[in-house]
C-alpha cells in the first residue's frame, strides 16, 4: 500500500491567504509518541528564519502548551496579557513580533499531533469570522490531521 503524502506548506500558504493574516505556522513534535522536540515545521509569512531554530518541549511555549493541554489558545492582545511580561518564554511571538494569535490543536488518532498558529503583527484584531473560517477549513481536513479527537469525542 502506497503512503499518502500531504503538502503542508501549500496548506499553510493557502490558509494564510484565505484568512488574510500575517503569519500561519504548523508546529509538530519530532516524535509523536513522546511528543518531544517540537519545531515550527511549516510556516507562511515569516519575517525571518529564526523560527527554524526554535525547539520546544511539551508544555513550553505556545506550541508546547497547546500540545500538552489539547485546548485552543486565543490571545487577542499580547501587550495586555501575561505573555508580554514573559515574552522570552514564547519565542515565536518574539521573533515574529505577533500582536495577537490563535493556536489550535490538530489531532491524529486520539492524540494532539500538531499545533496550528495563526497570528497578526499589526493591531488587527481577530473577529468571529476568522475563527469560524479556521474551524470550517479544519473541518474539511488539514492533511492527516483533524480539528478534534475523533476517537474519544461524543459529537
Protein backbone atom coordinates (compact mmCIF):
# COMPACT_ATOMS: atom_id res chain seq x y z
CA UNK A 1 0.00 0.00 0.00
CA UNK A 2 1.38 3.38 -1.00
CA UNK A 3 1.80 6.04 1.69
CA UNK A 4 -0.15 9.26 1.32
CA UNK A 5 1.92 12.44 1.47
CA UNK A 6 0.50 15.88 2.16
CA UNK A 7 1.95 19.21 1.14
CA UNK A 8 1.53 21.07 4.42
CA UNK A 9 3.48 24.07 3.12
CA UNK A 10 0.82 24.62 0.45
CA UNK A 11 -1.94 24.16 3.04
CA UNK A 12 -0.33 26.76 5.33
CA UNK A 13 0.20 29.22 2.44
CA UNK A 14 -3.42 28.86 1.29
CA UNK A 15 -4.76 29.30 4.82
CA UNK A 16 -2.72 32.49 5.29
CA UNK A 17 -4.12 33.93 2.06
CA UNK A 18 -7.69 32.85 2.78
CA UNK A 19 -7.68 34.31 6.30
CA UNK A 20 -5.76 37.46 5.31
CA UNK A 21 -3.44 37.19 8.31
CA UNK A 22 0.26 37.96 8.68
CA UNK A 23 1.51 34.60 9.92
CA UNK A 24 0.48 30.94 9.85
CA UNK A 25 2.67 28.21 11.28
CA UNK A 26 2.40 24.48 11.88
CA UNK A 27 4.40 23.04 14.77
CA UNK A 28 4.96 19.31 15.15
CA UNK A 29 6.98 17.14 17.51
CA UNK A 30 9.77 15.07 16.03
CA UNK A 31 8.40 12.05 17.94
CA UNK A 32 4.61 11.77 18.05
CA UNK A 33 4.61 9.20 20.86
CA UNK A 34 6.93 11.05 23.26
CA UNK A 35 5.98 14.47 21.86
CA UNK A 36 9.49 15.84 22.22
CA UNK A 37 11.46 18.39 20.25
CA UNK A 38 8.60 20.50 18.92
CA UNK A 39 9.56 22.58 15.87
CA UNK A 40 7.77 25.09 13.65
CA UNK A 41 7.99 22.87 10.59
CA UNK A 42 5.80 24.70 8.06
CA UNK A 43 5.46 28.48 8.12
CA UNK A 44 3.96 31.15 5.89
CA UNK A 45 4.53 34.87 6.34
CA UNK A 46 7.69 34.66 8.45
CA UNK A 47 9.78 37.84 8.61
CA UNK A 48 12.99 35.85 9.09
CA UNK A 49 14.19 32.26 9.53
CA UNK A 50 14.71 32.34 13.29
CA UNK A 51 11.62 30.15 13.76
CA UNK A 52 13.70 27.25 12.40
CA UNK A 53 15.91 27.36 15.50
CA UNK A 54 13.04 27.15 17.98
CA UNK A 55 12.94 23.82 19.77
CA UNK A 56 10.27 23.41 22.44
CA UNK A 57 9.39 20.71 24.91
CA UNK A 58 5.87 19.62 25.76
CA UNK A 59 4.27 22.27 27.97
CA UNK A 60 6.69 25.05 26.93
CA UNK A 61 5.89 27.92 24.58
CA UNK A 62 2.65 28.25 22.69
CA UNK A 63 3.01 25.01 20.74
CA UNK A 64 4.13 23.03 23.79
CA UNK A 65 1.22 24.28 25.90
CA UNK A 66 -1.41 23.53 23.24
CA UNK A 67 0.16 20.15 22.51
CA UNK A 68 0.05 19.24 26.21
CA UNK A 69 -3.40 20.65 27.03
CA UNK A 70 -5.21 19.78 23.80
CA UNK A 71 -7.01 23.11 24.05
CA UNK A 72 -7.01 26.13 21.76
CA UNK A 73 -5.28 29.28 22.96
CA UNK A 74 -6.51 32.66 21.75
CA UNK A 75 -4.72 35.91 22.66
CA UNK A 76 -6.48 38.96 21.27
CA UNK A 77 -3.90 41.48 22.55
CA UNK A 78 -0.50 40.23 23.64
CA UNK A 79 0.54 43.63 25.04
CA UNK A 80 -2.13 43.41 27.77
CA UNK A 81 -1.68 39.70 28.54
CA UNK A 82 0.77 37.89 30.81
CA UNK A 83 2.75 36.92 27.71
CA UNK A 84 4.08 40.49 27.49
CA UNK A 85 5.96 40.08 30.78
CA UNK A 86 7.24 36.61 29.84
CA UNK A 87 7.98 37.23 26.16
CA UNK A 88 11.18 35.16 26.24
CA UNK A 89 9.10 32.07 27.08
CA UNK A 90 7.28 32.48 23.76
CA UNK A 91 9.98 32.74 21.09
CA UNK A 92 7.67 32.56 18.07
CA UNK A 93 5.77 35.63 19.34
CA UNK A 94 9.03 37.49 19.95
CA UNK A 95 10.75 36.52 16.68
CA UNK A 96 7.72 37.23 14.51
CA UNK A 97 6.53 40.27 16.52
CA UNK A 98 2.97 38.94 16.75
CA UNK A 99 0.39 41.16 18.44
CA UNK A 100 -2.35 38.52 18.62
CA UNK A 101 -2.76 34.85 17.78
CA UNK A 102 -4.93 31.76 17.74
CA UNK A 103 -3.24 28.43 18.44
CA UNK A 104 -5.34 25.38 17.62
CA UNK A 105 -4.53 21.74 18.39
CA UNK A 106 -4.62 19.34 15.46
CA UNK A 107 -5.39 15.72 16.25
CA UNK A 108 -4.28 12.45 14.73
CA UNK A 109 -5.96 9.36 16.13
CA UNK A 110 -6.58 10.28 19.78
CA UNK A 111 -3.54 12.48 20.35
CA UNK A 112 -2.65 16.09 19.63
CA UNK A 113 -0.11 15.72 16.83
CA UNK A 114 0.42 19.33 15.72
CA UNK A 115 -0.42 22.94 16.53
CA UNK A 116 -1.70 25.46 14.01
CA UNK A 117 -0.77 29.05 14.87
CA UNK A 118 -2.47 31.98 13.14
CA UNK A 119 -1.32 35.49 14.03
CA UNK A 120 -1.06 39.14 13.11
CA UNK A 121 1.73 41.64 13.59
CA UNK A 122 -0.30 44.80 13.36
CA UNK A 123 -3.03 45.68 15.80
CA UNK A 124 -5.58 43.92 13.60
CA UNK A 125 -7.85 42.07 15.99
CA UNK A 126 -9.39 38.76 15.08
CA UNK A 127 -13.14 38.62 14.73
CA UNK A 128 -15.61 35.76 14.95
CA UNK A 129 -15.49 35.35 11.17
CA UNK A 130 -11.77 34.44 11.23
CA UNK A 131 -12.36 31.86 13.98
CA UNK A 132 -15.30 30.34 12.08
CA UNK A 133 -13.30 30.26 8.83
CA UNK A 134 -10.41 28.46 10.54
CA UNK A 135 -12.75 25.89 12.05
CA UNK A 136 -14.56 25.47 8.73
CA UNK A 137 -11.27 24.83 6.93
CA UNK A 138 -10.14 22.39 9.62
CA UNK A 139 -13.48 20.57 9.47
CA UNK A 140 -12.70 19.84 5.81
CA UNK A 141 -9.42 18.31 6.95
CA UNK A 142 -5.88 19.56 7.19
CA UNK A 143 -3.69 16.87 5.70
CA UNK A 144 -3.72 13.87 8.01
CA UNK A 145 -4.97 15.93 10.97
CA UNK A 146 -8.41 16.52 12.47
CA UNK A 147 -9.81 19.51 14.33
CA UNK A 148 -10.79 17.39 17.33
CA UNK A 149 -10.24 13.99 18.90
CA UNK A 150 -12.40 11.81 16.65
CA UNK A 151 -11.98 8.69 18.77
CA UNK A 152 -12.95 10.00 22.22
CA UNK A 153 -15.28 12.89 21.34
CA UNK A 154 -19.02 12.47 21.67
CA UNK A 155 -20.01 14.84 18.85
